[in-house]
C-alpha atoms as a PDB file:
ATOM      1  CA  UNK A   1     -16.946  11.502  11.007  1.00  0.00           C
ATOM      2  CA  UNK A   2     -15.750  10.393   7.561  1.00  0.00           C
ATOM      3  CA  UNK A   3     -16.335   6.730   6.809  1.00  0.00           C
ATOM      4  CA  UNK A   4     -13.743   4.412   5.272  1.00  0.00           C
ATOM      5  CA  UNK A   5     -15.137   4.665   1.753  1.00  0.00           C
ATOM      6  CA  UNK A   6     -15.010   8.441   1.906  1.00  0.00           C
ATOM      7  CA  UNK A   7     -11.377   8.308   2.979  1.00  0.00           C
ATOM      8  CA  UNK A   8     -10.602   5.904   0.133  1.00  0.00           C
ATOM      9  CA  UNK A   9     -12.025   8.298  -2.458  1.00  0.00           C
ATOM     10  CA  UNK A  10     -10.726  11.630  -1.120  1.00  0.00           C
ATOM     11  CA  UNK A  11      -7.948  11.922  -3.675  1.00  0.00           C
ATOM     12  CA  UNK A  12      -9.189  11.642  -7.281  1.00  0.00           C
ATOM     13  CA  UNK A  13      -7.174   9.810  -9.888  1.00  0.00           C
ATOM     14  CA  UNK A  14      -7.475   6.943 -12.328  1.00  0.00           C
ATOM     15  CA  UNK A  15      -5.609   4.479 -10.092  1.00  0.00           C
ATOM     16  CA  UNK A  16      -6.439   5.762  -6.601  1.00  0.00           C
ATOM     17  CA  UNK A  17      -9.177   3.243  -5.795  1.00  0.00           C
ATOM     18  CA  UNK A  18      -7.068   0.192  -6.579  1.00  0.00           C
ATOM     19  CA  UNK A  19      -4.010   1.643  -4.847  1.00  0.00           C
ATOM     20  CA  UNK A  20      -6.033   2.440  -1.750  1.00  0.00           C
ATOM     21  CA  UNK A  21      -7.586  -1.005  -1.696  1.00  0.00           C
ATOM     22  CA  UNK A  22      -4.109  -2.568  -1.671  1.00  0.00           C
ATOM     23  CA  UNK A  23      -3.295  -0.367   1.330  1.00  0.00           C
ATOM     24  CA  UNK A  24      -6.490  -1.505   3.054  1.00  0.00           C
ATOM     25  CA  UNK A  25      -5.407  -5.118   2.606  1.00  0.00           C
ATOM     26  CA  UNK A  26      -1.941  -4.395   4.011  1.00  0.00           C
ATOM     27  CA  UNK A  27      -3.468  -2.489   6.944  1.00  0.00           C
ATOM     28  CA  UNK A  28      -5.245  -5.591   8.238  1.00  0.00           C
ATOM     29  CA  UNK A  29      -3.742  -6.418  11.627  1.00  0.00           C
ATOM     30  CA  UNK A  30      -3.066 -10.028  10.632  1.00  0.00           C
ATOM     31  CA  UNK A  31      -0.852  -8.769   7.820  1.00  0.00           C
ATOM     32  CA  UNK A  32       0.796  -6.066   9.929  1.00  0.00           C
ATOM     33  CA  UNK A  33       1.675  -8.596  12.635  1.00  0.00           C
ATOM     34  CA  UNK A  34       3.503 -10.718  10.037  1.00  0.00           C
ATOM     35  CA  UNK A  35       5.456  -7.726   8.776  1.00  0.00           C
ATOM     36  CA  UNK A  36       6.338  -6.645  12.324  1.00  0.00           C
ATOM     37  CA  UNK A  37       7.417 -10.172  13.293  1.00  0.00           C
ATOM     38  CA  UNK A  38      10.122 -10.202  10.619  1.00  0.00           C
ATOM     39  CA  UNK A  39      11.163  -6.533  10.389  1.00  0.00           C
ATOM     40  CA  UNK A  40      10.607  -4.746  13.723  1.00  0.00           C
ATOM     41  CA  UNK A  41      13.209  -5.838  16.275  1.00  0.00           C
ATOM     42  CA  UNK A  42      11.036  -5.088  19.290  1.00  0.00           C
ATOM     43  CA  UNK A  43       8.508  -7.734  18.167  1.00  0.00           C
ATOM     44  CA  UNK A  44      10.632 -10.478  16.600  1.00  0.00           C
ATOM     45  CA  UNK A  45      10.508 -12.759  19.660  1.00  0.00           C
ATOM     46  CA  UNK A  46       6.717 -12.517  20.099  1.00  0.00           C
ATOM     47  CA  UNK A  47       4.048 -14.853  18.652  1.00  0.00           C
ATOM     48  CA  UNK A  48       1.926 -13.459  15.806  1.00  0.00           C
ATOM     49  CA  UNK A  49      -1.287 -13.385  17.847  1.00  0.00           C
ATOM     50  CA  UNK A  50       0.442 -11.427  20.618  1.00  0.00           C
ATOM     51  CA  UNK A  51       1.888  -8.947  18.112  1.00  0.00           C
ATOM     52  CA  UNK A  52      -1.569  -8.405  16.621  1.00  0.00           C
ATOM     53  CA  UNK A  53      -2.830  -7.413  20.072  1.00  0.00           C
ATOM     54  CA  UNK A  54       0.036  -4.922  20.445  1.00  0.00           C
ATOM     55  CA  UNK A  55      -1.221  -2.733  17.572  1.00  0.00           C
ATOM     56  CA  UNK A  56      -3.058   0.280  18.946  1.00  0.00           C
ATOM     57  CA  UNK A  57      -6.405   1.265  17.410  1.00  0.00           C
ATOM     58  CA  UNK A  58      -7.007   1.223  13.664  1.00  0.00           C
ATOM     59  CA  UNK A  59      -4.037   1.977  11.379  1.00  0.00           C
ATOM     60  CA  UNK A  60      -4.367   5.268   9.500  1.00  0.00           C
ATOM     61  CA  UNK A  61      -4.505   4.852   5.719  1.00  0.00           C
ATOM     62  CA  UNK A  62      -3.488   7.815   3.515  1.00  0.00           C
ATOM     63  CA  UNK A  63      -4.942  10.342   5.946  1.00  0.00           C
ATOM     64  CA  UNK A  64      -1.853  11.791   7.657  1.00  0.00           C
ATOM     65  CA  UNK A  65       0.480  14.149   5.816  1.00  0.00           C
ATOM     66  CA  UNK A  66       4.253  13.796   5.810  1.00  0.00           C
ATOM     67  CA  UNK A  67       4.936  17.506   5.266  1.00  0.00           C
ATOM     68  CA  UNK A  68       6.343  19.785   7.966  1.00  0.00           C
ATOM     69  CA  UNK A  69       3.977  22.261   9.589  1.00  0.00           C
ATOM     70  CA  UNK A  70       1.927  19.665  11.464  1.00  0.00           C
ATOM     71  CA  UNK A  71      -0.267  20.398  14.449  1.00  0.00           C
ATOM     72  CA  UNK A  72       1.392  17.385  16.110  1.00  0.00           C
ATOM     73  CA  UNK A  73      -1.661  16.006  17.832  1.00  0.00           C
ATOM     74  CA  UNK A  74      -1.663  12.416  19.108  1.00  0.00           C
ATOM     75  CA  UNK A  75      -1.259   9.894  16.293  1.00  0.00           C
ATOM     76  CA  UNK A  76      -4.411   8.062  17.311  1.00  0.00           C
ATOM     77  CA  UNK A  77      -7.157  10.059  15.635  1.00  0.00           C
ATOM     78  CA  UNK A  78      -4.737  12.632  14.236  1.00  0.00           C
ATOM     79  CA  UNK A  79      -6.519  14.731  11.580  1.00  0.00           C
ATOM     80  CA  UNK A  80      -4.991  15.916   8.326  1.00  0.00           C
ATOM     81  CA  UNK A  81      -2.642  18.798   9.003  1.00  0.00           C
ATOM     82  CA  UNK A  82      -2.261  22.026   7.045  1.00  0.00           C
ATOM     83  CA  UNK A  83       0.396  21.725   4.393  1.00  0.00           C
ATOM     84  CA  UNK A  84       3.244  24.203   4.154  1.00  0.00           C
ATOM     85  CA  UNK A  85       2.503  26.905   1.532  1.00  0.00           C
ATOM     86  CA  UNK A  86       4.088  26.077  -1.803  1.00  0.00           C
ATOM     87  CA  UNK A  87       4.591  22.383  -1.019  1.00  0.00           C
ATOM     88  CA  UNK A  88       2.450  19.544  -2.324  1.00  0.00           C
ATOM     89  CA  UNK A  89       0.694  17.245   0.116  1.00  0.00           C
ATOM     90  CA  UNK A  90       2.331  13.853   0.674  1.00  0.00           C
ATOM     91  CA  UNK A  91       0.562  11.220   2.766  1.00  0.00           C
ATOM     92  CA  UNK A  92       1.844   8.216   4.668  1.00  0.00           C
ATOM     93  CA  UNK A  93       0.321   5.076   3.129  1.00  0.00           C
ATOM     94  CA  UNK A  94      -0.226   3.438   6.533  1.00  0.00           C
ATOM     95  CA  UNK A  95       0.834   4.611   9.994  1.00  0.00           C
ATOM     96  CA  UNK A  96       0.149   3.242  13.471  1.00  0.00           C
ATOM     97  CA  UNK A  97       1.386   2.832  17.056  1.00  0.00           C
ATOM     98  CA  UNK A  98       2.418  -0.504  18.570  1.00  0.00           C
ATOM     99  CA  UNK A  99       3.385  -1.316  22.166  1.00  0.00           C
ATOM    100  CA  UNK A 100       5.819  -4.130  22.982  1.00  0.00           C
ATOM    101  CA  UNK A 101       6.510  -5.524  26.465  1.00  0.00           C
ATOM    102  CA  UNK A 102       9.898  -4.475  27.877  1.00  0.00           C
ATOM    103  CA  UNK A 103      12.065  -5.475  30.833  1.00  0.00           C
ATOM    104  CA  UNK A 104      10.979  -2.585  33.050  1.00  0.00           C
ATOM    105  CA  UNK A 105       8.286  -0.814  31.004  1.00  0.00           C
ATOM    106  CA  UNK A 106       6.364  -1.062  27.781  1.00  0.00           C
ATOM    107  CA  UNK A 107       8.154  -0.019  24.589  1.00  0.00           C
ATOM    108  CA  UNK A 108       6.098   2.137  22.234  1.00  0.00           C
ATOM    109  CA  UNK A 109       7.094   2.413  18.572  1.00  0.00           C
ATOM    110  CA  UNK A 110       5.654   4.260  15.579  1.00  0.00           C
ATOM    111  CA  UNK A 111       5.471   2.336  12.306  1.00  0.00           C
ATOM    112  CA  UNK A 112       4.924   3.612   8.772  1.00  0.00           C
ATOM    113  CA  UNK A 113       4.265   1.120   5.960  1.00  0.00           C
ATOM    114  CA  UNK A 114       4.628   2.160   2.312  1.00  0.00           C
ATOM    115  CA  UNK A 115       3.732   0.255  -0.852  1.00  0.00           C
ATOM    116  CA  UNK A 116       5.980   0.889  -3.862  1.00  0.00           C
ATOM    117  CA  UNK A 117       5.147  -0.572  -7.275  1.00  0.00           C
ATOM    118  CA  UNK A 118       8.624   0.081  -8.645  1.00  0.00           C
ATOM    119  CA  UNK A 119      12.058  -0.412  -7.118  1.00  0.00           C
ATOM    120  CA  UNK A 120      13.354   2.462  -9.288  1.00  0.00           C
ATOM    121  CA  UNK A 121      10.789   5.276  -8.859  1.00  0.00           C
ATOM    122  CA  UNK A 122      13.322   7.985  -9.773  1.00  0.00           C
ATOM    123  CA  UNK A 123      14.917   8.355  -6.329  1.00  0.00           C
ATOM    124  CA  UNK A 124      16.535   6.022  -3.758  1.00  0.00           C
ATOM    125  CA  UNK A 125      13.737   4.441  -1.718  1.00  0.00           C
ATOM    126  CA  UNK A 126      15.859   4.257   1.424  1.00  0.00           C
ATOM    127  CA  UNK A 127      16.539   8.006   1.234  1.00  0.00           C
ATOM    128  CA  UNK A 128      12.837   8.783   1.067  1.00  0.00           C
ATOM    129  CA  UNK A 129      12.352   6.391   3.980  1.00  0.00           C
ATOM    130  CA  UNK A 130      14.853   8.390   6.032  1.00  0.00           C
ATOM    131  CA  UNK A 131      12.863  11.554   5.330  1.00  0.00           C
ATOM    132  CA  UNK A 132       9.621   9.874   6.421  1.00  0.00           C
ATOM    133  CA  UNK A 133      11.300   8.552   9.561  1.00  0.00           C
ATOM    134  CA  UNK A 134      12.761  11.971  10.395  1.00  0.00           C
ATOM    135  CA  UNK A 135       9.301  13.511  10.041  1.00  0.00           C
ATOM    136  CA  UNK A 136       7.813  10.934  12.398  1.00  0.00           C
ATOM    137  CA  UNK A 137      10.483  11.786  14.967  1.00  0.00           C
ATOM    138  CA  UNK A 138      10.070  15.570  14.744  1.00  0.00           C
ATOM    139  CA  UNK A 139       6.266  15.226  14.830  1.00  0.00           C
ATOM    140  CA  UNK A 140       6.551  13.685  18.312  1.00  0.00           C
ATOM    141  CA  UNK A 141       7.474  17.060  19.837  1.00  0.00           C
ATOM    142  CA  UNK A 142       4.619  18.094  22.081  1.00  0.00           C
ATOM    143  CA  UNK A 143       3.016  14.643  22.058  1.00  0.00           C
ATOM    144  CA  UNK A 144       5.548  11.955  23.015  1.00  0.00           C
ATOM    145  CA  UNK A 145       8.125  14.348  24.451  1.00  0.00           C
ATOM    146  CA  UNK A 146       8.319  18.036  25.294  1.00  0.00           C
ATOM    147  CA  UNK A 147      11.020  20.670  25.756  1.00  0.00           C
ATOM    148  CA  UNK A 148      14.373  18.908  26.238  1.00  0.00           C
ATOM    149  CA  UNK A 149      12.999  15.517  27.309  1.00  0.00           C
ATOM    150  CA  UNK A 150      14.516  13.794  24.278  1.00  0.00           C
ATOM    151  CA  UNK A 151      14.846  10.436  26.034  1.00  0.00           C
ATOM    152  CA  UNK A 152      11.112   9.883  25.426  1.00  0.00           C
ATOM    153  CA  UNK A 153      11.450  10.007  21.636  1.00  0.00           C
ATOM    154  CA  UNK A 154       9.920   6.810  20.258  1.00  0.00           C
ATOM    155  CA  UNK A 155      11.690   4.498  17.848  1.00  0.00           C
ATOM    156  CA  UNK A 156      10.188   4.938  14.366  1.00  0.00           C
ATOM    157  CA  UNK A 157      10.150   2.437  11.509  1.00  0.00           C
ATOM    158  CA  UNK A 158       9.510   3.313   7.880  1.00  0.00           C
ATOM    159  CA  UNK A 159       8.923   0.015   6.042  1.00  0.00           C
ATOM    160  CA  UNK A 160       8.818  -0.049   2.233  1.00  0.00           C
ATOM    161  CA  UNK A 161       7.390  -2.986   0.262  1.00  0.00           C
ATOM    162  CA  UNK A 162       8.590  -2.978  -3.356  1.00  0.00           C
ATOM    163  CA  UNK A 163       7.057  -5.285  -5.964  1.00  0.00           C
ATOM    164  CA  UNK A 164       8.591  -6.221  -9.293  1.00  0.00           C
ATOM    165  CA  UNK A 165      12.154  -6.155  -7.958  1.00  0.00           C
ATOM    166  CA  UNK A 166      14.685  -7.132 -10.688  1.00  0.00           C
ATOM    167  CA  UNK A 167      16.057 -10.678 -10.773  1.00  0.00           C
ATOM    168  CA  UNK A 168      19.568  -9.565  -9.778  1.00  0.00           C
ATOM    169  CA  UNK A 169      18.130  -8.510  -6.391  1.00  0.00           C
ATOM    170  CA  UNK A 170      15.376 -11.096  -6.126  1.00  0.00           C
ATOM    171  CA  UNK A 171      13.534 -11.363  -2.812  1.00  0.00           C
ATOM    172  CA  UNK A 172      15.351  -9.389  -0.133  1.00  0.00           C
ATOM    173  CA  UNK A 173      14.894  -7.527   3.154  1.00  0.00           C
ATOM    174  CA  UNK A 174      17.316  -4.884   4.467  1.00  0.00           C
ATOM    175  CA  UNK A 175      17.228  -2.609   7.505  1.00  0.00           C
ATOM    176  CA  UNK A 176      19.047   0.738   7.551  1.00  0.00           C
ATOM    177  CA  UNK A 177      19.622   2.181  11.036  1.00  0.00           C
ATOM    178  CA  UNK A 178      21.907   4.312  13.188  1.00  0.00           C
ATOM    179  CA  UNK A 179      24.981   2.641  14.683  1.00  0.00           C
ATOM    180  CA  UNK A 180      27.878   3.885  16.841  1.00  0.00           C
ATOM    181  CA  UNK A 181      31.329   4.011  15.287  1.00  0.00           C
ATOM    182  CA  UNK A 182      34.285   5.036  17.456  1.00  0.00           C
ATOM    183  CA  UNK A 183      36.850   7.362  15.911  1.00  0.00           C
ATOM    184  CA  UNK A 184      38.614   7.388  19.296  1.00  0.00           C
ATOM    185  CA  UNK A 185      37.127   4.874  21.784  1.00  0.00           C
ATOM    186  CA  UNK A 186      35.870   5.997  25.191  1.00  0.00           C
ATOM    187  CA  UNK A 187      32.167   6.815  25.105  1.00  0.00           C
ATOM    188  CA  UNK A 188      29.884   4.043  26.382  1.00  0.00           C
ATOM    189  CA  UNK A 189      27.571   2.479  23.804  1.00  0.00           C
ATOM    190  CA  UNK A 190      24.017   3.091  25.055  1.00  0.00           C
ATOM    191  CA  UNK A 191      22.049   1.893  22.043  1.00  0.00           C
ATOM    192  CA  UNK A 192      18.651   3.002  23.316  1.00  0.00           C
ATOM    193  CA  UNK A 193      19.865   6.623  23.277  1.00  0.00           C
ATOM    194  CA  UNK A 194      20.379   6.736  19.511  1.00  0.00           C
ATOM    195  CA  UNK A 195      18.529   3.744  18.057  1.00  0.00           C
ATOM    196  CA  UNK A 196      15.503   5.834  17.097  1.00  0.00           C
ATOM    197  CA  UNK A 197      15.106   5.489  13.323  1.00  0.00           C
ATOM    198  CA  UNK A 198      14.990   2.417  11.075  1.00  0.00           C
ATOM    199  CA  UNK A 199      14.197   2.118   7.382  1.00  0.00           C
ATOM    200  CA  UNK A 200      13.312  -1.381   6.180  1.00  0.00           C
ATOM    201  CA  UNK A 201      13.089  -2.183   2.460  1.00  0.00           C
ATOM    202  CA  UNK A 202      11.340  -5.401   1.399  1.00  0.00           C
ATOM    203  CA  UNK A 203      11.905  -6.461  -2.201  1.00  0.00           C
ATOM    204  CA  UNK A 204       9.439  -8.886  -3.812  1.00  0.00           C
ATOM    205  CA  UNK A 205       9.980 -10.948  -6.943  1.00  0.00           C
ATOM    206  CA  UNK A 206       7.112 -13.364  -7.443  1.00  0.00           C
ATOM    207  CA  UNK A 207       9.080 -15.437  -9.959  1.00  0.00           C
ATOM    208  CA  UNK A 208      11.915 -16.173  -7.521  1.00  0.00           C
ATOM    209  CA  UNK A 209      11.863 -18.712  -4.680  1.00  0.00           C
ATOM    210  CA  UNK A 210      12.568 -17.579  -1.121  1.00  0.00           C
ATOM    211  CA  UNK A 211      13.253 -19.227   2.227  1.00  0.00           C
ATOM    212  CA  UNK A 212      11.586 -16.300   4.044  1.00  0.00           C
ATOM    213  CA  UNK A 213       8.072 -16.895   5.317  1.00  0.00           C
ATOM    214  CA  UNK A 214       7.322 -13.171   5.181  1.00  0.00           C
ATOM    215  CA  UNK A 215       8.503 -12.902   1.566  1.00  0.00           C
ATOM    216  CA  UNK A 216       6.442 -15.930   0.557  1.00  0.00           C
ATOM    217  CA  UNK A 217       3.331 -14.616   2.297  1.00  0.00           C
ATOM    218  CA  UNK A 218       3.615 -11.171   0.687  1.00  0.00           C
ATOM    219  CA  UNK A 219       4.242 -12.655  -2.756  1.00  0.00           C
ATOM    220  CA  UNK A 220       1.007 -14.622  -2.432  1.00  0.00           C
ATOM    221  CA  UNK A 221      -0.945 -11.714  -0.953  1.00  0.00           C
ATOM    222  CA  UNK A 222       0.125  -9.211  -3.609  1.00  0.00           C
ATOM    223  CA  UNK A 223       0.279 -11.583  -6.582  1.00  0.00           C
ATOM    224  CA  UNK A 224      -1.149 -10.166  -9.807  1.00  0.00           C
ATOM    225  CA  UNK A 225      -1.232 -13.569 -11.512  1.00  0.00           C
ATOM    226  CA  UNK A 226      -2.738 -15.883  -8.891  1.00  0.00           C
ATOM    227  CA  UNK A 227      -6.458 -16.637  -8.953  1.00  0.00           C
ATOM    228  CA  UNK A 228      -8.306 -15.022  -6.049  1.00  0.00           C
ATOM    229  CA  UNK A 229      -9.729 -18.302  -4.747  1.00  0.00           C
ATOM    230  CA  UNK A 230      -6.325 -19.995  -4.870  1.00  0.00           C
ATOM    231  CA  UNK A 231      -4.722 -16.989  -3.214  1.00  0.00           C
ATOM    232  CA  UNK A 232      -7.159 -16.988  -0.297  1.00  0.00           C
ATOM    233  CA  UNK A 233      -6.808 -20.750   0.147  1.00  0.00           C
ATOM    234  CA  UNK A 234      -3.022 -20.502   0.249  1.00  0.00           C
ATOM    235  CA  UNK A 235      -3.144 -17.681   2.775  1.00  0.00           C
ATOM    236  CA  UNK A 236      -5.281 -19.896   4.989  1.00  0.00           C
ATOM    237  CA  UNK A 237      -3.391 -23.169   4.501  1.00  0.00           C
ATOM    238  CA  UNK A 238       0.204 -21.959   4.275  1.00  0.00           C
ATOM    239  CA  UNK A 239       0.104 -18.950   6.593  1.00  0.00           C
ATOM    240  CA  UNK A 240      -2.869 -19.634   8.919  1.00  0.00           C
ATOM    241  CA  UNK A 241      -4.701 -16.461   7.871  1.00  0.00           C
ATOM    242  CA  UNK A 242      -8.321 -16.068   8.920  1.00  0.00           C
ATOM    243  CA  UNK A 243     -10.544 -15.163   5.974  1.00  0.00           C
ATOM    244  CA  UNK A 244     -13.956 -14.941   7.603  1.00  0.00           C
ATOM    245  CA  UNK A 245     -13.675 -11.197   8.107  1.00  0.00           C
ATOM    246  CA  UNK A 246     -11.264  -8.398   7.287  1.00  0.00           C
ATOM    247  CA  UNK A 247      -8.658  -9.805   4.910  1.00  0.00           C
ATOM    248  CA  UNK A 248     -11.057 -11.964   2.901  1.00  0.00           C
ATOM    249  CA  UNK A 249     -13.414  -9.078   2.186  1.00  0.00           C
ATOM    250  CA  UNK A 250     -10.663  -6.592   1.396  1.00  0.00           C
ATOM    251  CA  UNK A 251      -8.839  -9.106  -0.816  1.00  0.00           C
ATOM    252  CA  UNK A 252     -12.039  -9.788  -2.783  1.00  0.00           C
ATOM    253  CA  UNK A 253     -12.642  -6.083  -3.291  1.00  0.00           C
ATOM    254  CA  UNK A 254      -9.076  -5.510  -4.481  1.00  0.00           C
ATOM    255  CA  UNK A 255      -9.082  -8.463  -6.898  1.00  0.00           C
ATOM    256  CA  UNK A 256     -12.582  -7.791  -8.256  1.00  0.00           C
ATOM    257  CA  UNK A 257     -11.739  -4.201  -9.043  1.00  0.00           C
ATOM    258  CA  UNK A 258      -8.445  -5.214 -10.657  1.00  0.00           C
ATOM    259  CA  UNK A 259     -10.233  -7.819 -12.808  1.00  0.00           C
ATOM    260  CA  UNK A 260     -12.847  -5.272 -13.858  1.00  0.00           C
ATOM    261  CA  UNK A 261     -10.235  -2.754 -15.008  1.00  0.00           C
ATOM    262  CA  UNK A 262      -8.404  -5.482 -16.931  1.00  0.00           C
ATOM    263  CA  UNK A 263     -11.592  -6.549 -18.708  1.00  0.00           C
ATOM    264  CA  UNK A 264     -12.335  -2.962 -19.694  1.00  0.00           C
ATOM    265  CA  UNK A 265      -8.831  -2.620 -21.129  1.00  0.00           C
ATOM    266  CA  UNK A 266      -9.204  -5.843 -23.115  1.00  0.00           C
ATOM    267  CA  UNK A 267     -12.484  -4.700 -24.671  1.00  0.00           C
ATOM    268  CA  UNK A 268     -11.103  -1.326 -25.653  1.00  0.00           C
ATOM    269  CA  UNK A 269      -7.911  -2.964 -26.926  1.00  0.00           C
ATOM    270  CA  UNK A 270      -9.837  -5.266 -29.229  1.00  0.00           C
ATOM    271  CA  UNK A 271     -11.879  -2.357 -30.589  1.00  0.00           C
ATOM    272  CA  UNK A 272      -8.896  -0.102 -31.240  1.00  0.00           C
ATOM    273  CA  UNK A 273      -6.809  -2.988 -32.540  1.00  0.00           C
ATOM    274  CA  UNK A 274      -9.477  -3.909 -35.081  1.00  0.00           C
ATOM    275  CA  UNK A 275      -9.859  -0.332 -36.272  1.00  0.00           C
ATOM    276  CA  UNK A 276      -6.115   0.226 -36.627  1.00  0.00           C
ATOM    277  CA  UNK A 277      -5.704  -3.150 -38.286  1.00  0.00           C
ATOM    278  CA  UNK A 278      -8.344  -2.311 -40.905  1.00  0.00           C
ATOM    279  CA  UNK A 279      -6.501   0.871 -41.864  1.00  0.00           C
ATOM    280  CA  UNK A 280      -3.152  -0.853 -42.164  1.00  0.00           C
ATOM    281  CA  UNK A 281      -4.796  -3.768 -43.903  1.00  0.00           C
ATOM    282  CA  UNK A 282      -6.020  -1.563 -46.713  1.00  0.00           C
ATOM    283  CA  UNK A 283      -2.529  -0.083 -47.127  1.00  0.00           C
ATOM    284  CA  UNK A 284      -0.319  -3.136 -46.683  1.00  0.00           C
ATOM    285  CA  UNK A 285      -2.672  -6.018 -47.151  1.00  0.00           C
ATOM    286  CA  UNK A 286      -5.791  -6.848 -45.181  1.00  0.00           C
ATOM    287  CA  UNK A 287      -4.460  -9.987 -43.514  1.00  0.00           C
ATOM    288  CA  UNK A 288      -1.111  -8.558 -42.375  1.00  0.00           C
ATOM    289  CA  UNK A 289      -2.688  -5.309 -41.210  1.00  0.00           C
ATOM    290  CA  UNK A 290      -5.352  -7.060 -39.141  1.00  0.00           C
ATOM    291  CA  UNK A 291      -2.748  -9.116 -37.296  1.00  0.00           C
ATOM    292  CA  UNK A 292      -0.397  -6.226 -36.612  1.00  0.00           C
ATOM    293  CA  UNK A 293      -3.240  -3.870 -35.834  1.00  0.00           C
ATOM    294  CA  UNK A 294      -4.691  -6.198 -33.238  1.00  0.00           C
ATOM    295  CA  UNK A 295      -1.299  -6.666 -31.583  1.00  0.00           C
ATOM    296  CA  UNK A 296      -0.403  -2.978 -31.383  1.00  0.00           C
ATOM    297  CA  UNK A 297      -3.933  -1.872 -30.630  1.00  0.00           C
ATOM    298  CA  UNK A 298      -4.325  -4.434 -27.861  1.00  0.00           C
ATOM    299  CA  UNK A 299      -1.233  -3.172 -26.050  1.00  0.00           C
ATOM    300  CA  UNK A 300      -2.274   0.448 -26.374  1.00  0.00           C
ATOM    301  CA  UNK A 301      -5.894  -0.349 -25.652  1.00  0.00           C
ATOM    302  CA  UNK A 302      -5.084  -2.241 -22.481  1.00  0.00           C
ATOM    303  CA  UNK A 303      -3.258   0.770 -21.079  1.00  0.00           C
ATOM    304  CA  UNK A 304      -5.845   3.344 -22.119  1.00  0.00           C
ATOM    305  CA  UNK A 305      -8.708   1.013 -21.283  1.00  0.00           C
ATOM    306  CA  UNK A 306      -7.449   0.457 -17.764  1.00  0.00           C
ATOM    307  CA  UNK A 307      -7.130   4.188 -17.172  1.00  0.00           C
ATOM    308  CA  UNK A 308     -10.532   4.961 -18.685  1.00  0.00           C
ATOM    309  CA  UNK A 309     -12.209   2.153 -16.751  1.00  0.00           C
ATOM    310  CA  UNK A 310     -10.624   3.186 -13.449  1.00  0.00           C
ATOM    311  CA  UNK A 311     -11.560   6.843 -13.901  1.00  0.00           C
ATOM    312  CA  UNK A 312     -15.168   6.029 -14.777  1.00  0.00           C
ATOM    313  CA  UNK A 313     -15.557   3.602 -11.887  1.00  0.00           C
ATOM    314  CA  UNK A 314     -13.870   5.947  -9.411  1.00  0.00           C
ATOM    315  CA  UNK A 315     -16.273   8.726 -10.490  1.00  0.00           C
ATOM    316  CA  UNK A 316     -19.236   6.408 -10.006  1.00  0.00           C
ATOM    317  CA  UNK A 317     -18.151   5.346  -6.526  1.00  0.00           C
ATOM    318  CA  UNK A 318     -17.592   8.941  -5.448  1.00  0.00           C
ATOM    319  CA  UNK A 319     -21.079   9.868  -6.643  1.00  0.00           C
ATOM    320  CA  UNK A 320     -22.551   6.858  -4.831  1.00  0.00           C
ATOM    321  CA  UNK A 321     -20.693   7.799  -1.674  1.00  0.00           C
ATOM    322  CA  UNK A 322     -21.958  11.387  -1.862  1.00  0.00           C
ATOM    323  CA  UNK A 323     -25.509  10.076  -2.321  1.00  0.00           C
ATOM    324  CA  UNK A 324     -25.190   7.762   0.696  1.00  0.00           C
ATOM    325  CA  UNK A 325     -25.332   4.533  -1.356  1.00  0.00           C
ATOM    326  CA  UNK A 326     -22.202   3.014   0.195  1.00  0.00           C
ATOM    327  CA  UNK A 327     -23.900  -0.322   0.900  1.00  0.00           C
ATOM    328  CA  UNK A 328     -24.294  -0.908  -2.857  1.00  0.00           C
ATOM    329  CA  UNK A 329     -20.583  -0.506  -3.643  1.00  0.00           C
ATOM    330  CA  UNK A 330     -19.632  -4.175  -3.258  1.00  0.00           C
ATOM    331  CA  UNK A 331     -22.558  -5.226  -5.480  1.00  0.00           C
ATOM    332  CA  UNK A 332     -21.551  -2.691  -8.123  1.00  0.00           C
ATOM    333  CA  UNK A 333     -17.972  -4.006  -8.161  1.00  0.00           C
ATOM    334  CA  UNK A 334     -19.105  -7.621  -8.544  1.00  0.00           C
ATOM    335  CA  UNK A 335     -22.120  -7.379 -10.889  1.00  0.00           C
ATOM    336  CA  UNK A 336     -21.490  -5.910 -14.346  1.00  0.00           C
ATOM    337  CA  UNK A 337     -25.224  -5.551 -15.074  1.00  0.00           C
ATOM    338  CA  UNK A 338     -25.870  -3.630 -11.876  1.00  0.00           C
ATOM    339  CA  UNK A 339     -22.773  -1.531 -12.537  1.00  0.00           C
ATOM    340  CA  UNK A 340     -24.091  -0.479 -15.954  1.00  0.00           C
ATOM    341  CA  UNK A 341     -27.422   0.469 -14.390  1.00  0.00           C
ATOM    342  CA  UNK A 342     -25.640   2.752 -11.938  1.00  0.00           C
ATOM    343  CA  UNK A 343     -23.562   4.275 -14.731  1.00  0.00           C
ATOM    344  CA  UNK A 344     -26.816   5.239 -16.460  1.00  0.00           C
ATOM    345  CA  UNK A 345     -28.336   6.442 -13.218  1.00  0.00           C
ATOM    346  CA  UNK A 346     -25.480   8.863 -12.603  1.00  0.00           C
ATOM    347  CA  UNK A 347     -24.990   9.839 -16.249  1.00  0.00           C
ATOM    348  CA  UNK A 348     -21.639   8.086 -16.676  1.00  0.00           C
END
């Protein structure tokens, strides 16, 4: 069976490790229970510790495909399905089952959580959420319901967390769902018959204040400016998060990797800035060229340095994983000297 590190490194790319680590933080049940408390109607009246116990198994992280053509096995332990020929593979960031107590029987829902770094990715987020929700409904055929037993279709939620939302929107949460509208009144309104799909969009703006506990918690959790130690302390003090296991470890890994990539970008930026500044300095005056060169080179170097650093580190971790050295990963991410030794060891 593939371990968690192997899953994290399946898809190559310069930013995949950091992106996946953010998903691993969000997939902690303490975090999921907070999100469910404020966005999933079936759980809003339950205490956080009860909600945490309602989450079935371990949430799946970037291992289940959205595309049609699924084998439609049970969600718990569902393997990657074959993609439809000619279509690219798209994965749910996080997906899981949760069971809430009901009046006569338990209520089972399917929840998909997506992390979006831009509120304007080139398409309406809510529209993509509808597609994801529709796929989660159709994928239930043969597992949650069969033939014409449509009453057993489970309510699905596709929840999208967007960072860097513009000031004119600020911090916001909206749910998009099906509702009955009478053109000519007469039909009874049985909400449970059609209330099967919800898309929730959470907008985060770290610079704006909010009265929402969920918004405040997520802004702390996903902050790119807050010191890691301060962040963990605030999560404990302000939101009663437990850091001994799970979240604390995943948060450290995410922040340490992010810091490492930033440092690599700064080094490369200084080098390229100096070189470019020397050239311009000879042409326009050494002093002016050095200043301008450092400024322009630093911006460009940060971007290229981050990408180069991420790619090199991702390659190293994949090689370590293939060689069975997974226990050394955390040390490599935290100790620059050890990291350089491993780069040499694997010819990177």
